[in-house]
Amino acid sequence: MKKFSIILGVASALLLGASSCKKSFLDEKPYSSYSPLTVTDSLGFEASLIGLYQYQTGTLTWSSDQGWPSVWQVGTDVANATANQQGVEVPYYNYQQLTSTDRGSSIAWGRYYALINNSNIILDGLTSANGVGAVGKRLVEAEAKFFRAYAYNTLATLYGRVPLITKSITGPKTDFTRNSLDEVNTQIVNDLTFAASGLPDLNAVGNRVNAAGKPVSRANKYMAMQLLAEVYLRMGKNDLAEQTAQSIISSGKFNLIRSRYGVRAGGAGDYYSDMFVYGNQRRSQGNSEAIWVLEQENPNSVIGGNVDAAQQRRVFGAAYYQIPGMALADSLGGRGIARLRLSNWVLYGLYKGNDIRNSQYSIKRRYYYNDPAYPALIGKQVPFTGADTLFRICPSTTKWGAFDPNDTFGYAMIKDFIMMRLGETYLLLAEAQVKQGKLADAANSINVLRTRANAAQVSASDMNLNFILDERARELVAEENRRMTLMRTGTLVERSLRLNSNDAQKPITGLTATNLLLPIPLTDIQINKDAKLEQNPGY
């Protein structure tokens, strides 16, 4: 994705969660030459909307805290921290340290409220828009409301009741209060309902193309529908979730990947792992399953082509480069540093039979010496001995692997982010059906994915929420925000302790029902001097 300006000139106490408590809430950091005053014409709206994508990408690629991707995985059922921690992730498996001064919670709170305010600036600008017709206004409104709903759904999942802000804040405000969850949910549903009706069909947005002339992944109505299905599940409106997910599937716009395609179609691999190969992730690159992809470009070929320095490959990838006889290679996913390790449950208990999602092309379990400087070792398997199995050659997902010859040190990952795909739609559908007692229907929905994966079929008697969450891990491990999924379903404590409490190196400790919500950042509570911003219980 090309780099565009981000509108952020906002002075809000809620944004202080990502900054020092010593800073005044009147301080503003200019992120671009655009200001809220420019959001009145088509050029300003377009730049501002693209800024929303860039800001969300910047949240995913946050590198000031390199353990940021680990926050959403470790201390759950699917992953553990290794000896190579950065720091921000520590309270998310050592839960005694998860307090109101937590860095990770503060980053999430601040960035998603910034995304909301950026969306509100755009929406407020529509009241005085110049030279933008009714059709254009509706499209702008729909796109901005999608992002506002996306941010609020994230906040509601993580924090429960939160302040509801539907107008931009351009000056100091110190009297925030938390709205009821019903009020927040109603706003999210209203925004997504409007977005689903106002956003275009796939890539039907005129001249929105990238430098190569290919359609870019801008908001479409199915993105709004997919998010709406998830919101309905969180609200307990399971019939509406089922209808919404089924509408996406029945649209005929998407197809599960069932055959080889793309840049390595003739090479080693399989059709499932092809989805995660660099150069294969976008719809324009053949990924018929993709609903929403946040695109990045290699900054060595497209100036300003990415945002920050994504750490996902380094976090998820094994640190094999530290073993004498091992050299960095594209086939090994480039340079990882293994800040986390997939849990033993994922590695040894989750997959059965010949499930393609567990193939050597999706989870690398064996490493072979490949460094020409060690000719006597080349081709031999690296032995699993000692702590290496938990760090340097730990089995790891290949979903984030990619070798960039322009960055042999392997600092920044440049792959796209597949935010939504059809595989998850089937999982949302099955979850809605299970929660309504439609167990046979749920089994049929799950079996669509299991047929694609060459996994054994399941029946109605197998269906319950735990099975759905197991299947989500099989299908979406390392893709989904696992912490949010388990928080949304209220299963974080039970599943994490049952399936992943005894890691040899960094065990989960102190996890209780308190942690089904994150703490409101203390700095925001303290600076909110004219009203009470309540803390979540237990913090």
Protein backbone atom coordinates (compact mmCIF):
# COMPACT_ATOMS: atom_id res chain seq x y z
CA MET A 1 0.00 0.00 0.00
CA LYS A 2 1.39 3.39 -0.92
CA LYS A 3 2.08 5.75 1.92
CA PHE A 4 -0.52 8.45 2.27
CA SER A 5 -1.00 11.15 4.86
CA ILE A 6 -2.68 10.38 8.15
CA ILE A 7 -4.90 12.90 9.86
CA LEU A 8 -4.21 12.90 13.56
CA GLY A 9 -4.22 16.48 14.81
CA VAL A 10 -6.29 15.67 17.86
CA ALA A 11 -5.94 16.67 21.50
CA SER A 12 -7.94 14.13 23.46
CA ALA A 13 -7.38 12.75 26.90
CA LEU A 14 -8.29 9.33 25.52
CA LEU A 15 -5.26 9.39 23.25
CA LEU A 16 -2.88 9.77 26.13
CA GLY A 17 -2.91 6.03 26.73
CA ALA A 18 -0.07 5.76 24.25
CA SER A 19 1.98 8.61 25.70
CA SER A 20 3.66 9.62 28.91
CA CYS A 21 1.58 10.91 31.78
CA LYS A 22 4.05 13.80 31.98
CA LYS A 23 2.84 15.16 28.64
CA SER A 24 0.01 17.64 28.48
CA PHE A 25 -3.14 16.55 26.72
CA LEU A 26 -2.83 19.82 24.80
CA ASP A 27 0.30 18.57 23.07
CA GLU A 28 -0.24 17.63 19.44
CA LYS A 29 2.02 15.59 17.23
CA PRO A 30 1.69 16.54 13.55
CA TYR A 31 1.63 13.32 11.55
CA SER A 32 1.09 14.95 8.18
CA SER A 33 0.57 18.18 6.31
CA TYR A 34 -3.16 17.56 6.31
CA SER A 35 -5.29 19.00 9.06
CA PRO A 36 -9.00 18.53 9.85
CA LEU A 37 -9.71 21.74 7.93
CA THR A 38 -8.74 20.10 4.63
CA VAL A 39 -11.41 17.39 4.90
CA THR A 40 -13.97 19.27 2.84
CA ASP A 41 -13.26 18.28 -0.77
CA SER A 42 -12.78 15.05 -2.69
CA LEU A 43 -8.98 15.16 -2.48
CA GLY A 44 -9.05 15.71 1.27
CA PHE A 45 -11.60 12.95 1.82
CA GLU A 46 -9.65 10.50 -0.31
CA ALA A 47 -6.36 11.21 1.47
CA SER A 48 -8.09 11.02 4.83
CA LEU A 49 -9.76 7.70 4.06
CA ILE A 50 -6.50 6.18 2.90
CA GLY A 51 -5.04 7.45 6.15
CA LEU A 52 -7.43 5.16 8.02
CA TYR A 53 -5.94 2.12 6.28
CA GLN A 54 -2.45 3.36 6.99
CA TYR A 55 -3.23 3.98 10.62
CA GLN A 56 -4.67 0.49 11.10
CA THR A 57 -1.67 -0.98 9.29
CA GLY A 58 0.58 1.02 11.60
CA THR A 59 -1.13 -0.55 14.60
CA LEU A 60 -0.44 -4.04 13.27
CA THR A 61 3.14 -3.15 12.33
CA TRP A 62 3.96 -1.29 15.55
CA SER A 63 7.70 -1.81 16.14
CA SER A 64 8.51 0.50 19.03
CA ASP A 65 7.55 -2.52 21.12
CA GLN A 66 8.79 -5.51 19.13
CA GLY A 67 6.84 -7.97 21.25
CA TRP A 68 3.57 -6.30 20.22
CA PRO A 69 2.33 -9.21 18.06
CA SER A 70 3.01 -11.56 20.99
CA VAL A 71 0.58 -9.66 23.22
CA TRP A 72 -2.31 -11.13 21.25
CA GLN A 73 -1.07 -14.74 21.22
CA VAL A 74 1.01 -15.69 24.28
CA GLY A 75 -0.80 -16.69 27.43
CA THR A 76 -3.68 -18.10 25.38
CA ASP A 77 -4.22 -21.67 24.23
CA VAL A 78 -2.11 -21.35 21.08
CA ALA A 79 1.27 -19.84 22.05
CA ASN A 80 3.89 -19.31 24.74
CA ALA A 81 6.66 -16.76 25.13
CA THR A 82 10.24 -17.94 24.71
CA ALA A 83 13.42 -16.85 26.45
CA ASN A 84 13.69 -14.11 23.83
CA GLN A 85 11.09 -11.71 25.19
CA GLN A 86 10.93 -8.03 24.36
CA GLY A 87 8.92 -6.98 27.40
CA VAL A 88 5.53 -5.67 26.39
CA GLU A 89 4.19 -9.23 26.17
CA VAL A 90 5.25 -10.36 29.66
CA PRO A 91 1.99 -9.41 31.47
CA TYR A 92 0.03 -11.43 28.92
CA TYR A 93 1.26 -14.75 30.25
CA ASN A 94 2.44 -13.61 33.68
CA TYR A 95 -0.94 -12.11 34.45
CA GLN A 96 -0.01 -10.86 37.91
CA GLN A 97 1.83 -8.08 36.07
CA LEU A 98 -1.21 -7.03 34.04
CA THR A 99 -2.12 -3.80 35.82
CA SER A 100 -3.63 -0.43 34.98
CA THR A 101 -0.19 0.87 33.98
CA ASP A 102 0.27 -1.86 31.37
CA ARG A 103 2.01 -0.75 28.19
CA GLY A 104 0.20 -3.08 25.80
CA SER A 105 -3.27 -2.10 26.96
CA SER A 106 -2.32 1.56 26.77
CA ILE A 107 -1.15 1.22 23.17
CA ALA A 108 -4.36 -0.55 22.11
CA TRP A 109 -6.63 1.96 23.88
CA GLY A 110 -4.84 4.99 22.46
CA ARG A 111 -4.50 3.81 18.90
CA TYR A 112 -8.08 2.64 18.49
CA TYR A 113 -9.45 5.85 19.93
CA ALA A 114 -7.21 7.71 17.50
CA LEU A 115 -8.68 5.65 14.66
CA ILE A 116 -12.16 6.57 15.90
CA ASN A 117 -11.30 10.26 16.02
CA ASN A 118 -9.80 10.15 12.54
CA SER A 119 -13.01 8.57 11.30
CA ASN A 120 -15.09 11.19 13.08
CA ILE A 121 -13.06 14.00 11.50
CA ILE A 122 -14.00 12.61 8.08
CA LEU A 123 -17.66 12.19 9.01
CA ASP A 124 -17.86 15.71 10.45
CA GLY A 125 -16.30 17.07 7.27
CA LEU A 126 -19.18 15.75 5.20
CA THR A 127 -21.46 18.44 6.63
CA SER A 128 -19.51 21.14 4.78
CA ALA A 129 -18.17 19.13 1.84
CA ASN A 130 -17.39 21.03 -1.36
CA GLY A 131 -17.85 19.51 -4.80
CA VAL A 132 -18.73 16.05 -3.49
CA GLY A 133 -22.03 14.68 -4.77
CA ALA A 134 -24.54 12.59 -2.89
CA VAL A 135 -23.10 9.32 -4.19
CA GLY A 136 -19.59 10.34 -3.22
CA LYS A 137 -20.68 11.46 0.23
CA ARG A 138 -22.42 8.15 0.87
CA LEU A 139 -19.31 6.22 -0.12
CA VAL A 140 -17.09 8.35 2.13
CA GLU A 141 -19.52 7.99 5.02
CA ALA A 142 -19.73 4.23 4.60
CA GLU A 143 -15.95 3.77 4.53
CA ALA A 144 -15.36 5.98 7.57
CA LYS A 145 -18.16 4.28 9.52
CA PHE A 146 -16.67 0.88 8.77
CA PHE A 147 -13.42 1.90 10.43
CA ARG A 148 -15.18 3.53 13.35
CA ALA A 149 -17.15 0.33 13.91
CA TYR A 150 -14.00 -1.77 13.54
CA ALA A 151 -12.26 0.30 16.23
CA TYR A 152 -15.24 0.27 18.57
CA ASN A 153 -15.70 -3.47 18.22
CA THR A 154 -12.06 -3.95 19.17
CA LEU A 155 -12.44 -1.69 22.20
CA ALA A 156 -15.72 -3.29 23.30
CA THR A 157 -14.16 -6.75 23.07
CA LEU A 158 -11.06 -5.74 25.02
CA TYR A 159 -12.55 -3.37 27.60
CA GLY A 160 -16.32 -3.87 27.67
CA ARG A 161 -18.06 -0.55 28.36
CA VAL A 162 -16.13 2.35 26.82
CA PRO A 163 -16.75 6.04 26.13
CA LEU A 164 -18.80 6.49 22.98
CA ILE A 165 -17.60 9.41 20.84
CA THR A 166 -19.31 10.16 17.53
CA LYS A 167 -17.97 13.67 16.90
CA SER A 168 -14.35 14.64 16.38
CA ILE A 169 -12.42 16.04 19.32
CA THR A 170 -10.14 18.94 18.44
CA GLY A 171 -9.54 20.37 21.92
CA PRO A 172 -9.02 19.24 25.49
CA LYS A 173 -11.77 17.14 27.04
CA THR A 174 -11.54 15.76 30.55
CA ASP A 175 -15.05 14.52 31.33
CA PHE A 176 -15.32 11.17 29.60
CA THR A 177 -17.62 8.50 31.03
CA ARG A 178 -18.16 4.92 29.96
CA ASN A 179 -21.30 4.21 27.98
CA SER A 180 -23.25 1.02 28.44
CA LEU A 181 -22.24 -1.92 26.30
CA ASP A 182 -25.72 -1.85 24.72
CA GLU A 183 -25.14 1.74 23.59
CA VAL A 184 -21.73 0.92 22.15
CA ASN A 185 -23.05 -2.18 20.39
CA THR A 186 -25.96 -0.26 18.93
CA GLN A 187 -23.57 2.30 17.47
CA ILE A 188 -21.38 -0.44 16.00
CA VAL A 189 -24.35 -2.21 14.41
CA ASN A 190 -25.73 1.06 13.01
CA ASP A 191 -22.36 1.95 11.51
CA LEU A 192 -21.85 -1.49 9.97
CA THR A 193 -25.40 -1.69 8.65
CA PHE A 194 -24.86 1.64 6.90
CA ALA A 195 -21.44 0.53 5.66
CA ALA A 196 -22.82 -2.74 4.27
CA SER A 197 -25.43 -0.83 2.29
CA GLY A 198 -23.17 2.03 1.23
CA LEU A 199 -19.88 0.32 0.41
CA PRO A 200 -19.31 -0.99 -3.11
CA ASP A 201 -19.09 -4.53 -4.30
CA LEU A 202 -15.64 -6.04 -4.75
CA ASN A 203 -13.19 -3.62 -6.39
CA ALA A 204 -16.02 -1.59 -7.93
CA VAL A 205 -14.62 1.76 -6.88
CA GLY A 206 -13.62 3.39 -10.14
CA ASN A 207 -9.97 4.33 -10.40
CA ARG A 208 -8.72 2.87 -7.13
CA VAL A 209 -5.71 1.00 -8.43
CA ASN A 210 -2.13 0.62 -7.27
CA ALA A 211 1.09 1.50 -9.06
CA ALA A 212 0.83 -1.70 -11.10
CA GLY A 213 -2.69 -0.88 -12.24
CA LYS A 214 -4.26 -3.58 -10.06
CA PRO A 215 -7.34 -2.96 -7.89
CA VAL A 216 -6.41 -2.08 -4.34
CA SER A 217 -8.05 -3.65 -1.35
CA ARG A 218 -10.40 -0.87 -0.32
CA ALA A 219 -13.48 -1.37 1.80
CA ASN A 220 -16.30 -3.42 0.31
CA LYS A 221 -19.68 -4.36 1.70
CA TYR A 222 -18.59 -7.90 2.56
CA MET A 223 -15.98 -6.56 4.99
CA ALA A 224 -18.76 -4.78 6.85
CA MET A 225 -20.91 -7.92 6.78
CA GLN A 226 -18.13 -10.15 8.10
CA LEU A 227 -17.46 -7.79 10.98
CA LEU A 228 -21.17 -7.48 11.63
CA ALA A 229 -21.50 -11.27 11.92
CA GLU A 230 -18.76 -11.26 14.57
CA VAL A 231 -20.43 -8.38 16.43
CA TYR A 232 -23.76 -10.19 16.44
CA LEU A 233 -22.05 -13.23 17.95
CA ARG A 234 -20.52 -11.11 20.69
CA MET A 235 -23.98 -9.63 21.36
CA GLY A 236 -25.65 -13.04 21.48
CA LYS A 237 -27.73 -12.32 18.38
CA ASN A 238 -26.83 -15.65 16.87
CA ASP A 239 -29.66 -15.82 14.34
CA LEU A 240 -28.55 -12.52 12.81
CA ALA A 241 -24.94 -13.68 12.83
CA GLU A 242 -25.96 -16.81 10.94
CA GLN A 243 -27.93 -14.84 8.35
CA THR A 244 -25.11 -12.37 7.80
CA ALA A 245 -22.36 -14.98 7.44
CA GLN A 246 -24.57 -17.04 5.13
CA SER A 247 -25.16 -13.99 2.93
CA ILE A 248 -21.42 -13.64 2.37
CA ILE A 249 -21.03 -17.30 1.48
CA SER A 250 -24.09 -17.28 -0.78
CA SER A 251 -22.96 -14.15 -2.62
CA GLY A 252 -20.78 -16.22 -4.94
CA LYS A 253 -18.05 -13.59 -4.71
CA PHE A 254 -15.59 -15.76 -2.82
CA ASN A 255 -14.25 -19.29 -3.15
CA LEU A 256 -12.11 -21.36 -0.82
CA ILE A 257 -8.66 -22.00 -2.22
CA ARG A 258 -8.64 -25.63 -3.38
CA SER A 259 -5.87 -25.74 -5.99
CA ARG A 260 -2.35 -24.45 -6.46
CA TYR A 261 -1.96 -20.89 -7.72
CA GLY A 262 0.30 -17.90 -7.90
CA VAL A 263 4.01 -17.29 -7.67
CA ARG A 264 5.04 -20.80 -6.58
CA ALA A 265 2.24 -22.83 -8.16
CA GLY A 266 4.77 -25.15 -9.80
CA GLY A 267 7.06 -25.45 -6.78
CA ALA A 268 7.06 -27.14 -3.41
CA GLY A 269 3.96 -26.44 -1.36
CA ASP A 270 0.23 -27.02 -1.32
CA TYR A 271 -2.86 -25.00 -2.09
CA TYR A 272 -3.56 -24.00 1.53
CA SER A 273 -0.07 -22.68 2.20
CA ASP A 274 -0.08 -20.91 -1.19
CA MET A 275 -2.44 -18.34 0.36
CA PHE A 276 0.32 -17.08 2.63
CA VAL A 277 3.14 -16.83 0.10
CA TYR A 278 4.41 -13.33 -0.50
CA GLY A 279 2.86 -12.28 -3.79
CA ASN A 280 -0.22 -14.52 -3.41
CA GLN A 281 -2.24 -12.83 -0.70
CA ARG A 282 -4.37 -10.33 -2.62
CA ARG A 283 -7.43 -10.98 -4.75
CA SER A 284 -5.61 -9.43 -7.69
CA GLN A 285 -2.92 -12.07 -7.15
CA GLY A 286 -5.37 -14.97 -7.27
CA ASN A 287 -6.54 -15.26 -3.65
CA SER A 288 -10.25 -15.85 -4.24
CA GLU A 289 -10.77 -16.37 -0.51
CA ALA A 290 -9.69 -12.87 0.52
CA ILE A 291 -12.37 -10.49 1.81
CA TRP A 292 -10.08 -7.81 3.25
CA VAL A 293 -6.34 -7.53 2.75
CA LEU A 294 -4.25 -4.66 4.12
CA GLU A 295 -1.59 -4.26 1.48
CA GLN A 296 2.05 -3.38 1.98
CA GLU A 297 4.74 -2.77 -0.62
CA ASN A 298 8.46 -3.31 -0.34
CA PRO A 299 9.87 0.17 0.37
CA ASN A 300 12.92 -0.74 -1.69
CA SER A 301 10.74 -0.76 -4.80
CA VAL A 302 7.91 1.57 -3.77
CA ILE A 303 9.00 4.60 -1.77
CA GLY A 304 6.96 4.79 1.42
CA GLY A 305 5.35 1.48 0.51
CA ASN A 306 4.87 0.18 4.02
CA VAL A 307 4.05 1.45 7.48
CA ASP A 308 6.50 1.08 10.39
CA ALA A 309 8.39 -2.24 10.57
CA ALA A 310 6.17 -5.29 11.01
CA GLN A 311 7.57 -7.84 13.48
CA GLN A 312 5.31 -10.81 12.75
CA ARG A 313 7.93 -12.86 10.91
CA ARG A 314 10.51 -12.27 13.63
CA VAL A 315 8.03 -13.04 16.40
CA PHE A 316 6.61 -16.24 14.90
CA GLY A 317 9.70 -17.54 13.06
CA ALA A 318 12.33 -19.81 14.61
CA ALA A 319 15.77 -18.33 15.30
CA TYR A 320 17.47 -21.02 13.22
CA TYR A 321 20.11 -18.56 11.98
CA GLN A 322 21.81 -18.84 15.40
CA ILE A 323 22.72 -22.48 14.77
CA PRO A 324 26.13 -23.01 13.10
CA GLY A 325 25.50 -24.63 9.74
CA MET A 326 22.22 -22.80 9.15
CA ALA A 327 22.02 -19.89 6.70
CA LEU A 328 19.13 -17.53 6.03
CA ALA A 329 16.95 -18.80 3.21
CA ASP A 330 13.66 -17.97 1.55
CA SER A 331 12.57 -21.60 1.91
CA LEU A 332 12.97 -21.21 5.67
CA GLY A 333 10.98 -18.00 5.81
CA GLY A 334 13.87 -15.61 6.28
CA ARG A 335 15.17 -14.52 9.65
CA GLY A 336 13.01 -15.12 12.70
CA ILE A 337 13.93 -14.57 16.33
CA ALA A 338 11.20 -16.67 17.97
CA ARG A 339 9.70 -14.31 20.50
CA LEU A 340 6.92 -16.85 20.82
CA ARG A 341 6.46 -20.56 20.28
CA LEU A 342 3.32 -22.38 19.22
CA SER A 343 1.93 -24.28 22.19
CA ASN A 344 2.37 -28.00 22.65
CA TRP A 345 -1.39 -28.34 22.24
CA VAL A 346 -1.18 -26.79 18.76
CA LEU A 347 1.91 -28.73 17.78
CA TYR A 348 1.02 -32.15 19.14
CA GLY A 349 -2.67 -32.28 19.95
CA LEU A 350 -4.63 -30.05 17.59
CA TYR A 351 -4.30 -31.68 14.18
CA LYS A 352 -5.21 -35.25 13.26
CA GLY A 353 -4.48 -37.35 10.20
CA ASN A 354 -3.36 -35.68 6.99
CA ASP A 355 -4.85 -32.26 7.66
CA ILE A 356 -3.23 -30.02 5.05
CA ARG A 357 -3.15 -27.14 7.52
CA ASN A 358 -0.54 -29.14 9.44
CA SER A 359 1.63 -29.93 6.44
CA GLN A 360 5.34 -29.17 6.36
CA TYR A 361 4.50 -26.18 4.21
CA SER A 362 2.36 -24.57 6.93
CA ILE A 363 4.13 -25.65 10.12
CA LYS A 364 7.85 -26.27 9.80
CA ARG A 365 8.91 -28.98 12.22
CA ARG A 366 12.26 -30.12 10.81
CA TYR A 367 15.30 -28.10 9.86
CA TYR A 368 18.23 -29.16 7.72
CA TYR A 369 21.72 -27.72 7.56
CA ASN A 370 22.08 -25.52 4.48
CA ASP A 371 25.17 -23.33 4.97
CA PRO A 372 27.87 -24.00 2.31
CA ALA A 373 30.46 -22.98 4.88
CA TYR A 374 29.72 -26.28 6.63
CA PRO A 375 29.91 -28.81 3.76
CA ALA A 376 30.00 -31.86 6.03
CA LEU A 377 26.62 -30.92 7.49
CA ILE A 378 24.66 -29.86 4.41
CA GLY A 379 21.45 -31.85 3.98
CA LYS A 380 21.53 -33.42 7.43
CA GLN A 381 18.70 -32.76 9.85
CA VAL A 382 19.42 -30.40 12.71
CA PRO A 383 19.02 -32.49 15.88
CA PHE A 384 16.41 -31.54 18.46
CA THR A 385 18.45 -31.09 21.59
CA GLY A 386 18.24 -28.91 24.66
CA ALA A 387 16.72 -25.45 24.67
CA ASP A 388 17.09 -25.16 20.89
CA THR A 389 13.75 -26.90 20.48
CA LEU A 390 12.06 -24.04 22.36
CA PHE A 391 13.78 -21.24 20.51
CA ARG A 392 16.23 -21.76 17.68
CA ILE A 393 14.52 -24.62 15.87
CA CYS A 394 11.13 -24.65 17.50
CA PRO A 395 8.37 -25.78 15.15
CA SER A 396 6.88 -22.63 13.68
CA THR A 397 4.19 -21.40 11.34
CA THR A 398 5.20 -20.38 7.84
CA LYS A 399 2.32 -17.91 7.44
CA TRP A 400 4.52 -14.91 8.16
CA GLY A 401 7.72 -16.19 6.59
CA ALA A 402 9.32 -14.35 3.69
CA PHE A 403 12.92 -13.61 2.78
CA ASP A 404 13.68 -10.14 1.46
CA PRO A 405 17.09 -9.98 -0.26
CA ASN A 406 17.04 -6.20 0.30
CA ASP A 407 16.82 -6.81 4.06
CA THR A 408 18.97 -9.82 4.82
CA PHE A 409 19.06 -8.85 8.49
CA GLY A 410 15.33 -9.45 8.44
CA TYR A 411 14.15 -6.49 10.47
CA ALA A 412 10.83 -5.63 8.83
CA MET A 413 8.24 -7.97 7.36
CA ILE A 414 6.68 -6.66 4.15
CA LYS A 415 3.89 -9.18 3.62
CA ASP A 416 0.27 -8.14 3.37
CA PHE A 417 -2.16 -8.69 6.23
CA ILE A 418 -5.08 -10.96 5.37
CA MET A 419 -7.62 -9.40 7.72
CA MET A 420 -10.69 -11.35 6.64
CA ARG A 421 -11.14 -14.42 4.47
CA LEU A 422 -13.84 -16.89 3.61
CA GLY A 423 -12.41 -19.63 5.81
CA GLU A 424 -13.32 -17.55 8.85
CA THR A 425 -16.79 -16.84 7.48
CA TYR A 426 -17.59 -20.56 7.69
CA LEU A 427 -16.30 -20.59 11.27
CA LEU A 428 -18.50 -17.63 12.23
CA LEU A 429 -21.44 -19.37 10.60
CA ALA A 430 -20.79 -22.61 12.48
CA GLU A 431 -20.42 -20.76 15.78
CA ALA A 432 -23.78 -19.05 15.24
CA GLN A 433 -25.39 -22.38 14.43
CA VAL A 434 -23.94 -24.13 17.48
CA LYS A 435 -25.18 -21.36 19.74
CA GLN A 436 -28.69 -21.88 18.34
CA GLY A 437 -28.55 -25.64 18.78
CA LYS A 438 -28.36 -26.25 15.02
CA LEU A 439 -25.69 -28.87 15.46
CA ALA A 440 -26.16 -30.70 12.17
CA ASP A 441 -25.98 -27.42 10.26
CA ALA A 442 -22.85 -26.46 12.20
CA ALA A 443 -21.22 -29.79 11.32
CA ASN A 444 -22.02 -29.19 7.64
CA SER A 445 -20.42 -25.75 7.81
CA ILE A 446 -17.31 -27.08 9.51
CA ASN A 447 -17.07 -29.97 7.07
CA VAL A 448 -16.71 -27.54 4.18
CA LEU A 449 -13.41 -26.44 5.71
CA ARG A 450 -12.40 -29.94 6.71
CA THR A 451 -13.06 -31.25 3.22
CA ARG A 452 -10.79 -28.53 1.85
CA ALA A 453 -8.18 -29.49 4.45
CA ASN A 454 -8.37 -33.24 3.77
CA ALA A 455 -9.41 -33.74 7.40
CA ALA A 456 -11.88 -36.31 8.70
CA GLN A 457 -15.52 -35.30 8.60
CA VAL A 458 -17.37 -34.46 11.82
CA SER A 459 -20.96 -34.95 12.90
CA ALA A 460 -23.56 -33.10 14.95
CA SER A 461 -22.47 -34.94 18.09
CA ASP A 462 -19.02 -33.33 17.79
CA MET A 463 -20.39 -29.83 17.75
CA ASN A 464 -19.95 -27.44 20.66
CA LEU A 465 -18.23 -24.11 21.20
CA ASN A 466 -14.95 -25.73 22.17
CA PHE A 467 -14.86 -27.66 18.92
CA ILE A 468 -15.50 -24.46 16.96
CA LEU A 469 -12.63 -22.76 18.80
CA ASP A 470 -10.41 -25.77 18.11
CA GLU A 471 -11.26 -25.52 14.43
CA ARG A 472 -10.57 -21.79 14.45
CA ALA A 473 -7.08 -22.59 15.72
CA ARG A 474 -6.58 -25.22 13.04
CA GLU A 475 -7.67 -22.84 10.31
CA LEU A 476 -6.51 -19.45 11.57
CA VAL A 477 -3.55 -20.03 13.89
CA ALA A 478 -1.14 -17.08 13.70
CA GLU A 479 -3.67 -15.13 11.61
CA GLU A 480 -6.44 -14.31 14.04
CA ASN A 481 -6.06 -12.23 17.16
CA ARG A 482 -6.44 -15.26 19.41
CA ARG A 483 -6.70 -13.25 22.60
CA MET A 484 -9.65 -11.28 21.24
CA THR A 485 -11.39 -14.45 20.06
CA LEU A 486 -11.15 -16.04 23.50
CA MET A 487 -12.17 -12.81 25.23
CA ARG A 488 -15.15 -12.44 22.91
CA THR A 489 -16.32 -15.96 23.63
CA GLY A 490 -15.55 -15.77 27.37
CA THR A 491 -13.25 -18.79 27.14
CA LEU A 492 -9.81 -17.26 27.71
CA VAL A 493 -9.35 -18.57 31.25
CA GLU A 494 -10.77 -22.06 30.83
CA ARG A 495 -9.09 -22.88 27.52
CA SER A 496 -5.71 -21.32 28.29
CA LEU A 497 -5.40 -23.12 31.61
CA ARG A 498 -6.75 -26.43 30.33
CA LEU A 499 -4.71 -26.58 27.15
CA ASN A 500 -1.60 -24.53 27.78
CA SER A 501 -0.79 -23.97 31.43
CA ASN A 502 2.37 -26.05 31.79
CA ASP A 503 4.86 -24.59 29.35
CA ALA A 504 8.36 -25.55 30.45
CA GLN A 505 9.89 -22.13 29.87
CA LYS A 506 7.22 -19.44 30.32
CA PRO A 507 4.13 -20.97 31.93
CA ILE A 508 0.85 -19.09 32.25
CA THR A 509 0.46 -17.78 35.79
CA GLY A 510 -2.11 -15.63 37.56
CA LEU A 511 -4.82 -15.88 34.91
CA THR A 512 -8.28 -15.26 36.36
CA ALA A 513 -11.70 -14.06 35.23
CA THR A 514 -10.44 -10.49 35.77
CA ASN A 515 -8.43 -10.89 32.58
CA LEU A 516 -11.48 -11.40 30.40
CA LEU A 517 -11.21 -7.62 30.07
CA LEU A 518 -8.10 -5.44 29.89
CA PRO A 519 -7.41 -2.57 32.30
CA ILE A 520 -8.37 0.97 31.34
CA PRO A 521 -5.06 2.89 31.20
CA LEU A 522 -4.45 4.63 34.53
CA THR A 523 -3.16 7.81 32.88
CA ASP A 524 -6.49 8.31 31.14
CA ILE A 525 -8.39 7.79 34.37
CA GLN A 526 -6.16 10.28 36.21
CA ILE A 527 -6.29 13.03 33.62
CA ASN A 528 -10.07 12.73 33.22
CA LYS A 529 -10.50 15.16 36.11
CA ASP A 530 -14.06 16.36 35.45
CA ALA A 531 -15.83 12.99 35.45
CA LYS A 532 -15.24 9.47 36.66
CA LEU A 533 -13.78 7.08 34.10
CA GLU A 534 -14.33 3.78 35.87
CA GLN A 535 -11.70 1.05 35.95
CA ASN A 536 -12.56 -2.54 35.06
CA PRO A 537 -13.06 -4.80 38.12
CA GLY A 538 -9.90 -6.36 39.53
CA TYR A 539 -7.50 -3.71 38.30
